[in-house]
Amino acid sequence: MTYDSVAGLQRTVGKELLHSIDAAKLTGTLLDLGCGTGFLTGELLAYSSHETTIALDIALSMLQTTQSKLADKRNISYVCADAEHLPLAGQSIDSVFQSRLQWCSNLEAVFTGIKRALKPEGQLVFRHLAHKHCTN
């Protein structure tokens, strides 16, 4: 069983989000925050006209899968990092695409980092999947 085989909800939400926006407005440097296995990164590359993509994920194995899937694509940087501690320069990103924040426990830190990294006219496109914590 692979991650992609059980990530149907994430794929559906991500694709709905992508199709609900004007992807032509995603220009310049685009950050796919929490890229996972690169499914939506590939979709973003097909639907938008941005110049550079940064695929970022906290899990190295996910990032390596993305890199393998997109090996024939150009202008992609791969960054293994935590969304709660973005290692990106201030005002360096034109657009952030995010549909997978369910693993983040400190959303304030995530959005503070995004705000810092976005250029003044930059845009954030996101949808949050909430999850419930279970305890015994």
N, C-alpha and C. Protein backbone atom coordinates (compact mmCIF):
# COMPACT_ATOMS: atom_id res chain seq x y z
N MET A 1 0.85 -1.17 0.00
CA MET A 1 0.00 0.00 0.00
C MET A 1 0.90 1.24 0.00
N THR A 2 0.57 2.20 -0.84
CA THR A 2 1.36 3.42 -0.92
C THR A 2 0.57 4.59 -0.35
N TYR A 3 1.27 5.65 -0.04
CA TYR A 3 0.63 6.85 0.47
C TYR A 3 -0.40 7.37 -0.53
N ASP A 4 -0.03 7.42 -1.79
CA ASP A 4 -0.94 7.93 -2.82
C ASP A 4 -2.22 7.10 -2.90
N SER A 5 -2.14 5.80 -2.64
CA SER A 5 -3.33 4.95 -2.76
C SER A 5 -4.37 5.23 -1.68
N VAL A 6 -3.98 5.86 -0.59
CA VAL A 6 -4.93 6.16 0.49
C VAL A 6 -5.14 7.66 0.70
N ALA A 7 -4.63 8.46 -0.21
CA ALA A 7 -4.73 9.92 -0.06
C ALA A 7 -5.80 10.50 -0.98
N GLY A 8 -6.87 9.76 -1.18
CA GLY A 8 -7.94 10.19 -2.08
C GLY A 8 -8.56 11.51 -1.70
N LEU A 9 -8.84 11.71 -0.41
CA LEU A 9 -9.45 12.96 0.04
C LEU A 9 -8.52 14.14 -0.23
N GLN A 10 -7.24 13.97 0.06
CA GLN A 10 -6.28 15.04 -0.19
C GLN A 10 -6.23 15.39 -1.67
N ARG A 11 -6.23 14.39 -2.52
CA ARG A 11 -6.20 14.63 -3.97
C ARG A 11 -7.45 15.38 -4.41
N THR A 12 -8.60 14.93 -3.93
CA THR A 12 -9.87 15.55 -4.31
C THR A 12 -9.91 17.01 -3.88
N VAL A 13 -9.55 17.28 -2.63
CA VAL A 13 -9.56 18.65 -2.11
C VAL A 13 -8.57 19.51 -2.88
N GLY A 14 -7.38 19.00 -3.11
CA GLY A 14 -6.36 19.75 -3.84
C GLY A 14 -6.78 20.07 -5.26
N LYS A 15 -7.35 19.09 -5.95
CA LYS A 15 -7.79 19.32 -7.33
C LYS A 15 -8.95 20.32 -7.37
N GLU A 16 -9.89 20.20 -6.41
CA GLU A 16 -10.99 21.16 -6.35
C GLU A 16 -10.47 22.57 -6.12
N LEU A 17 -9.50 22.69 -5.24
CA LEU A 17 -8.91 24.00 -4.97
C LEU A 17 -8.23 24.55 -6.22
N LEU A 18 -7.46 23.73 -6.88
CA LEU A 18 -6.75 24.14 -8.09
C LEU A 18 -7.73 24.58 -9.17
N HIS A 19 -8.83 23.86 -9.32
CA HIS A 19 -9.79 24.19 -10.36
C HIS A 19 -10.72 25.34 -9.99
N SER A 20 -10.68 25.76 -8.72
CA SER A 20 -11.53 26.87 -8.29
C SER A 20 -10.84 28.22 -8.41
N ILE A 21 -9.58 28.24 -8.79
CA ILE A 21 -8.83 29.50 -8.89
C ILE A 21 -8.45 29.77 -10.33
N ASP A 22 -8.02 30.98 -10.58
CA ASP A 22 -7.49 31.34 -11.89
C ASP A 22 -5.99 31.04 -11.85
N ALA A 23 -5.63 29.84 -12.29
CA ALA A 23 -4.24 29.39 -12.21
C ALA A 23 -3.29 30.26 -13.02
N ALA A 24 -3.82 30.99 -13.99
CA ALA A 24 -2.97 31.88 -14.80
C ALA A 24 -2.38 33.00 -13.94
N LYS A 25 -2.99 33.27 -12.80
CA LYS A 25 -2.48 34.32 -11.90
C LYS A 25 -1.35 33.81 -11.01
N LEU A 26 -1.07 32.52 -11.06
CA LEU A 26 0.04 31.96 -10.30
C LEU A 26 1.31 32.15 -11.13
N THR A 27 1.96 33.28 -10.92
CA THR A 27 3.14 33.62 -11.70
C THR A 27 4.35 33.75 -10.78
N GLY A 28 5.51 33.94 -11.37
CA GLY A 28 6.73 34.14 -10.58
C GLY A 28 7.16 32.87 -9.88
N THR A 29 7.48 32.99 -8.61
CA THR A 29 7.93 31.85 -7.80
C THR A 29 6.76 31.32 -7.00
N LEU A 30 6.46 30.04 -7.19
CA LEU A 30 5.34 29.38 -6.53
C LEU A 30 5.85 28.37 -5.53
N LEU A 31 5.33 28.43 -4.32
CA LEU A 31 5.66 27.46 -3.28
C LEU A 31 4.51 26.48 -3.14
N ASP A 32 4.79 25.19 -3.34
CA ASP A 32 3.82 24.14 -3.04
C ASP A 32 4.18 23.66 -1.64
N LEU A 33 3.46 24.16 -0.66
CA LEU A 33 3.77 23.94 0.75
C LEU A 33 3.15 22.62 1.21
N GLY A 34 4.00 21.68 1.59
CA GLY A 34 3.54 20.36 1.96
C GLY A 34 3.23 19.55 0.72
N CYS A 35 4.18 19.47 -0.18
CA CYS A 35 3.97 18.88 -1.51
C CYS A 35 3.66 17.38 -1.47
N GLY A 36 3.96 16.71 -0.37
CA GLY A 36 3.70 15.28 -0.31
C GLY A 36 4.45 14.54 -1.39
N THR A 37 3.75 13.69 -2.13
CA THR A 37 4.37 12.88 -3.17
C THR A 37 4.37 13.57 -4.53
N GLY A 38 3.99 14.84 -4.57
CA GLY A 38 4.09 15.62 -5.79
C GLY A 38 2.91 15.57 -6.73
N PHE A 39 1.84 14.94 -6.32
CA PHE A 39 0.67 14.87 -7.20
C PHE A 39 0.20 16.25 -7.61
N LEU A 40 -0.04 17.13 -6.62
CA LEU A 40 -0.53 18.47 -6.94
C LEU A 40 0.58 19.36 -7.50
N THR A 41 1.81 19.08 -7.18
CA THR A 41 2.91 19.84 -7.77
C THR A 41 2.88 19.66 -9.28
N GLY A 42 2.70 18.43 -9.71
CA GLY A 42 2.59 18.15 -11.14
C GLY A 42 1.39 18.83 -11.77
N GLU A 43 0.26 18.83 -11.06
CA GLU A 43 -0.94 19.51 -11.56
C GLU A 43 -0.70 21.01 -11.67
N LEU A 44 -0.03 21.59 -10.67
CA LEU A 44 0.28 23.03 -10.71
C LEU A 44 1.15 23.36 -11.91
N LEU A 45 2.11 22.51 -12.19
CA LEU A 45 2.99 22.75 -13.34
C LEU A 45 2.20 22.71 -14.65
N ALA A 46 1.18 21.88 -14.71
CA ALA A 46 0.38 21.76 -15.92
C ALA A 46 -0.61 22.91 -16.10
N TYR A 47 -1.09 23.48 -14.99
CA TYR A 47 -2.17 24.47 -15.06
C TYR A 47 -1.74 25.92 -14.93
N SER A 48 -0.54 26.19 -14.50
CA SER A 48 -0.16 27.59 -14.27
C SER A 48 1.06 27.96 -15.10
N SER A 49 1.35 29.24 -15.11
CA SER A 49 2.46 29.73 -15.94
C SER A 49 3.58 30.34 -15.10
N HIS A 50 3.73 29.90 -13.86
CA HIS A 50 4.78 30.44 -13.01
C HIS A 50 6.15 30.01 -13.52
N GLU A 51 7.17 30.79 -13.16
CA GLU A 51 8.51 30.52 -13.67
C GLU A 51 9.28 29.48 -12.85
N THR A 52 9.11 29.54 -11.54
CA THR A 52 9.88 28.68 -10.65
C THR A 52 8.94 28.04 -9.62
N THR A 53 9.20 26.79 -9.30
CA THR A 53 8.41 26.08 -8.30
C THR A 53 9.33 25.64 -7.17
N ILE A 54 8.85 25.82 -5.95
CA ILE A 54 9.53 25.26 -4.79
C ILE A 54 8.59 24.21 -4.21
N ALA A 55 9.02 22.96 -4.22
CA ALA A 55 8.27 21.87 -3.62
C ALA A 55 8.85 21.65 -2.24
N LEU A 56 8.04 21.86 -1.20
CA LEU A 56 8.53 21.78 0.17
C LEU A 56 7.71 20.76 0.94
N ASP A 57 8.39 19.89 1.66
CA ASP A 57 7.72 18.93 2.53
C ASP A 57 8.66 18.59 3.69
N ILE A 58 8.08 18.23 4.82
CA ILE A 58 8.89 17.88 5.99
C ILE A 58 9.46 16.47 5.88
N ALA A 59 8.80 15.61 5.10
CA ALA A 59 9.23 14.21 4.98
C ALA A 59 10.15 14.05 3.77
N LEU A 60 11.40 13.69 4.03
CA LEU A 60 12.38 13.52 2.96
C LEU A 60 11.91 12.48 1.94
N SER A 61 11.31 11.39 2.40
CA SER A 61 10.86 10.35 1.47
C SER A 61 9.78 10.88 0.53
N MET A 62 8.90 11.74 1.03
CA MET A 62 7.87 12.35 0.18
C MET A 62 8.54 13.25 -0.87
N LEU A 63 9.47 14.04 -0.42
CA LEU A 63 10.17 14.95 -1.32
C LEU A 63 10.94 14.18 -2.40
N GLN A 64 11.55 13.07 -2.00
CA GLN A 64 12.26 12.24 -2.97
C GLN A 64 11.31 11.63 -4.00
N THR A 65 10.12 11.25 -3.56
CA THR A 65 9.11 10.74 -4.48
C THR A 65 8.69 11.82 -5.46
N THR A 66 8.47 13.03 -4.95
CA THR A 66 8.12 14.16 -5.81
C THR A 66 9.22 14.39 -6.84
N GLN A 67 10.45 14.39 -6.40
CA GLN A 67 11.58 14.62 -7.30
C GLN A 67 11.65 13.54 -8.38
N SER A 68 11.38 12.30 -8.01
CA SER A 68 11.38 11.21 -9.00
C SER A 68 10.26 11.38 -10.02
N LYS A 69 9.06 11.75 -9.53
CA LYS A 69 7.92 11.92 -10.42
C LYS A 69 8.12 13.08 -11.40
N LEU A 70 8.82 14.11 -10.95
CA LEU A 70 8.96 15.33 -11.75
C LEU A 70 10.36 15.50 -12.30
N ALA A 71 11.10 14.41 -12.43
CA ALA A 71 12.50 14.47 -12.87
C ALA A 71 12.67 15.14 -14.23
N ASP A 72 11.65 15.07 -15.07
CA ASP A 72 11.76 15.67 -16.41
C ASP A 72 11.32 17.13 -16.44
N LYS A 73 10.91 17.68 -15.31
CA LYS A 73 10.46 19.07 -15.23
C LYS A 73 11.62 19.98 -14.85
N ARG A 74 11.55 21.23 -15.32
CA ARG A 74 12.62 22.20 -15.04
C ARG A 74 12.15 23.24 -14.04
N ASN A 75 13.11 23.96 -13.51
CA ASN A 75 12.87 25.09 -12.60
C ASN A 75 12.11 24.70 -11.33
N ILE A 76 12.47 23.54 -10.78
CA ILE A 76 11.88 23.11 -9.51
C ILE A 76 13.00 22.97 -8.49
N SER A 77 12.78 23.57 -7.33
CA SER A 77 13.70 23.39 -6.20
C SER A 77 12.97 22.53 -5.17
N TYR A 78 13.70 21.64 -4.54
CA TYR A 78 13.13 20.73 -3.55
C TYR A 78 13.70 21.09 -2.19
N VAL A 79 12.81 21.36 -1.23
CA VAL A 79 13.24 21.79 0.10
C VAL A 79 12.59 20.88 1.14
N CYS A 80 13.43 20.24 1.94
CA CYS A 80 12.94 19.43 3.05
C CYS A 80 12.92 20.31 4.29
N ALA A 81 11.72 20.69 4.71
CA ALA A 81 11.60 21.61 5.84
C ALA A 81 10.20 21.51 6.45
N ASP A 82 10.07 22.06 7.63
CA ASP A 82 8.83 22.10 8.38
C ASP A 82 8.05 23.35 8.01
N ALA A 83 6.78 23.21 7.68
CA ALA A 83 5.92 24.36 7.33
C ALA A 83 5.79 25.34 8.50
N GLU A 84 6.00 24.85 9.71
CA GLU A 84 5.91 25.71 10.88
C GLU A 84 7.18 26.54 11.09
N HIS A 85 8.23 26.24 10.32
CA HIS A 85 9.51 26.95 10.41
C HIS A 85 10.07 27.12 9.01
N LEU A 86 9.40 27.90 8.19
CA LEU A 86 9.81 28.05 6.79
C LEU A 86 11.19 28.67 6.67
N PRO A 87 12.10 28.00 5.97
CA PRO A 87 13.46 28.50 5.81
C PRO A 87 13.63 29.35 4.55
N LEU A 88 12.61 30.12 4.19
CA LEU A 88 12.64 30.90 2.97
C LEU A 88 12.90 32.37 3.27
N ALA A 89 13.59 33.02 2.36
CA ALA A 89 13.88 34.45 2.54
C ALA A 89 12.59 35.26 2.55
N GLY A 90 12.61 36.34 3.28
CA GLY A 90 11.46 37.24 3.32
C GLY A 90 11.17 37.83 1.95
N GLN A 91 9.88 37.92 1.65
CA GLN A 91 9.40 38.51 0.40
C GLN A 91 10.06 37.89 -0.83
N SER A 92 10.17 36.55 -0.83
CA SER A 92 10.81 35.85 -1.94
C SER A 92 9.84 35.02 -2.77
N ILE A 93 8.59 34.93 -2.34
CA ILE A 93 7.61 34.04 -2.97
C ILE A 93 6.46 34.88 -3.53
N ASP A 94 6.04 34.55 -4.75
CA ASP A 94 4.90 35.24 -5.36
C ASP A 94 3.57 34.60 -4.99
N SER A 95 3.54 33.27 -4.92
CA SER A 95 2.31 32.55 -4.62
C SER A 95 2.61 31.33 -3.76
N VAL A 96 1.70 31.04 -2.84
CA VAL A 96 1.78 29.83 -2.03
C VAL A 96 0.51 29.04 -2.30
N PHE A 97 0.68 27.78 -2.67
CA PHE A 97 -0.45 26.88 -2.88
C PHE A 97 -0.39 25.84 -1.78
N GLN A 98 -1.47 25.69 -1.03
CA GLN A 98 -1.46 24.78 0.10
C GLN A 98 -2.83 24.16 0.28
N SER A 99 -2.88 22.86 0.28
CA SER A 99 -4.14 22.17 0.55
C SER A 99 -3.95 21.05 1.58
N ARG A 100 -2.80 21.05 2.25
CA ARG A 100 -2.50 19.94 3.16
C ARG A 100 -1.86 20.41 4.46
N LEU A 101 -2.58 21.19 5.23
CA LEU A 101 -2.05 21.65 6.51
C LEU A 101 -2.48 20.77 7.68
N GLN A 102 -3.12 19.65 7.40
CA GLN A 102 -3.69 18.85 8.48
C GLN A 102 -2.64 18.30 9.45
N TRP A 103 -1.39 18.27 9.04
CA TRP A 103 -0.34 17.74 9.92
C TRP A 103 0.25 18.81 10.83
N CYS A 104 -0.09 20.07 10.61
CA CYS A 104 0.49 21.17 11.38
C CYS A 104 -0.30 21.42 12.65
N SER A 105 0.39 21.53 13.75
CA SER A 105 -0.28 21.81 15.02
C SER A 105 -0.24 23.30 15.37
N ASN A 106 0.70 24.04 14.80
CA ASN A 106 0.83 25.47 15.10
C ASN A 106 0.54 26.28 13.83
N LEU A 107 -0.74 26.45 13.55
CA LEU A 107 -1.12 27.17 12.33
C LEU A 107 -0.70 28.63 12.36
N GLU A 108 -0.62 29.22 13.54
CA GLU A 108 -0.16 30.61 13.63
C GLU A 108 1.27 30.72 13.10
N ALA A 109 2.12 29.79 13.46
CA ALA A 109 3.51 29.80 12.97
C ALA A 109 3.55 29.60 11.45
N VAL A 110 2.70 28.72 10.93
CA VAL A 110 2.66 28.47 9.49
C VAL A 110 2.29 29.76 8.76
N PHE A 111 1.20 30.40 9.18
CA PHE A 111 0.74 31.60 8.48
C PHE A 111 1.67 32.80 8.69
N THR A 112 2.33 32.86 9.82
CA THR A 112 3.33 33.91 10.04
C THR A 112 4.50 33.73 9.07
N GLY A 113 4.94 32.49 8.90
CA GLY A 113 6.03 32.21 7.96
C GLY A 113 5.63 32.50 6.52
N ILE A 114 4.40 32.15 6.16
CA ILE A 114 3.90 32.42 4.82
C ILE A 114 3.86 33.93 4.58
N LYS A 115 3.33 34.66 5.54
CA LYS A 115 3.23 36.12 5.40
C LYS A 115 4.62 36.74 5.22
N ARG A 116 5.59 36.25 5.96
CA ARG A 116 6.96 36.76 5.87
C ARG A 116 7.56 36.45 4.50
N ALA A 117 7.32 35.25 3.99
CA ALA A 117 7.93 34.81 2.73
C ALA A 117 7.27 35.41 1.49
N LEU A 118 5.99 35.76 1.60
CA LEU A 118 5.28 36.30 0.44
C LEU A 118 5.72 37.72 0.11
N LYS A 119 5.81 37.99 -1.18
CA LYS A 119 6.06 39.35 -1.63
C LYS A 119 4.83 40.21 -1.30
N PRO A 120 4.97 41.54 -1.25
CA PRO A 120 3.84 42.40 -0.87
C PRO A 120 2.55 42.16 -1.66
N GLU A 121 2.64 41.85 -2.92
CA GLU A 121 1.44 41.59 -3.72
C GLU A 121 1.21 40.09 -3.91
N GLY A 122 1.90 39.27 -3.11
CA GLY A 122 1.80 37.82 -3.24
C GLY A 122 0.44 37.30 -2.81
N GLN A 123 0.19 36.06 -3.17
CA GLN A 123 -1.10 35.47 -2.84
C GLN A 123 -0.94 34.10 -2.21
N LEU A 124 -1.86 33.80 -1.32
CA LEU A 124 -1.94 32.50 -0.68
C LEU A 124 -3.22 31.83 -1.14
N VAL A 125 -3.10 30.63 -1.66
CA VAL A 125 -4.25 29.83 -2.07
C VAL A 125 -4.22 28.59 -1.18
N PHE A 126 -5.24 28.42 -0.33
CA PHE A 126 -5.20 27.27 0.56
C PHE A 126 -6.59 26.79 0.93
N ARG A 127 -6.61 25.55 1.36
CA ARG A 127 -7.80 24.95 1.95
C ARG A 127 -7.27 24.06 3.06
N HIS A 128 -7.90 24.15 4.21
CA HIS A 128 -7.44 23.40 5.36
C HIS A 128 -8.34 22.20 5.61
N LEU A 129 -7.75 21.04 5.74
CA LEU A 129 -8.47 19.83 6.13
C LEU A 129 -8.31 19.68 7.64
N ALA A 130 -9.37 19.83 8.36
CA ALA A 130 -9.30 19.68 9.82
C ALA A 130 -9.26 18.20 10.18
N HIS A 131 -8.64 17.91 11.28
CA HIS A 131 -8.66 16.55 11.78
C HIS A 131 -8.88 16.58 13.27
N LYS A 132 -9.37 15.50 13.80
CA LYS A 132 -9.63 15.41 15.22
C LYS A 132 -8.53 14.57 15.87
N HIS A 133 -8.14 14.99 17.03
CA HIS A 133 -7.17 14.21 17.80
C HIS A 133 -7.94 13.20 18.65
N CYS A 134 -7.47 11.98 18.64
CA CYS A 134 -8.08 10.94 19.44
C CYS A 134 -7.15 10.57 20.59
N THR A 135 -7.70 10.44 21.74
CA THR A 135 -6.91 10.00 22.89
C THR A 135 -7.63 8.86 23.59
N ASN A 136 -6.87 8.05 24.23
CA ASN A 136 -7.47 6.93 24.98
C ASN A 136 -7.36 7.18 26.45
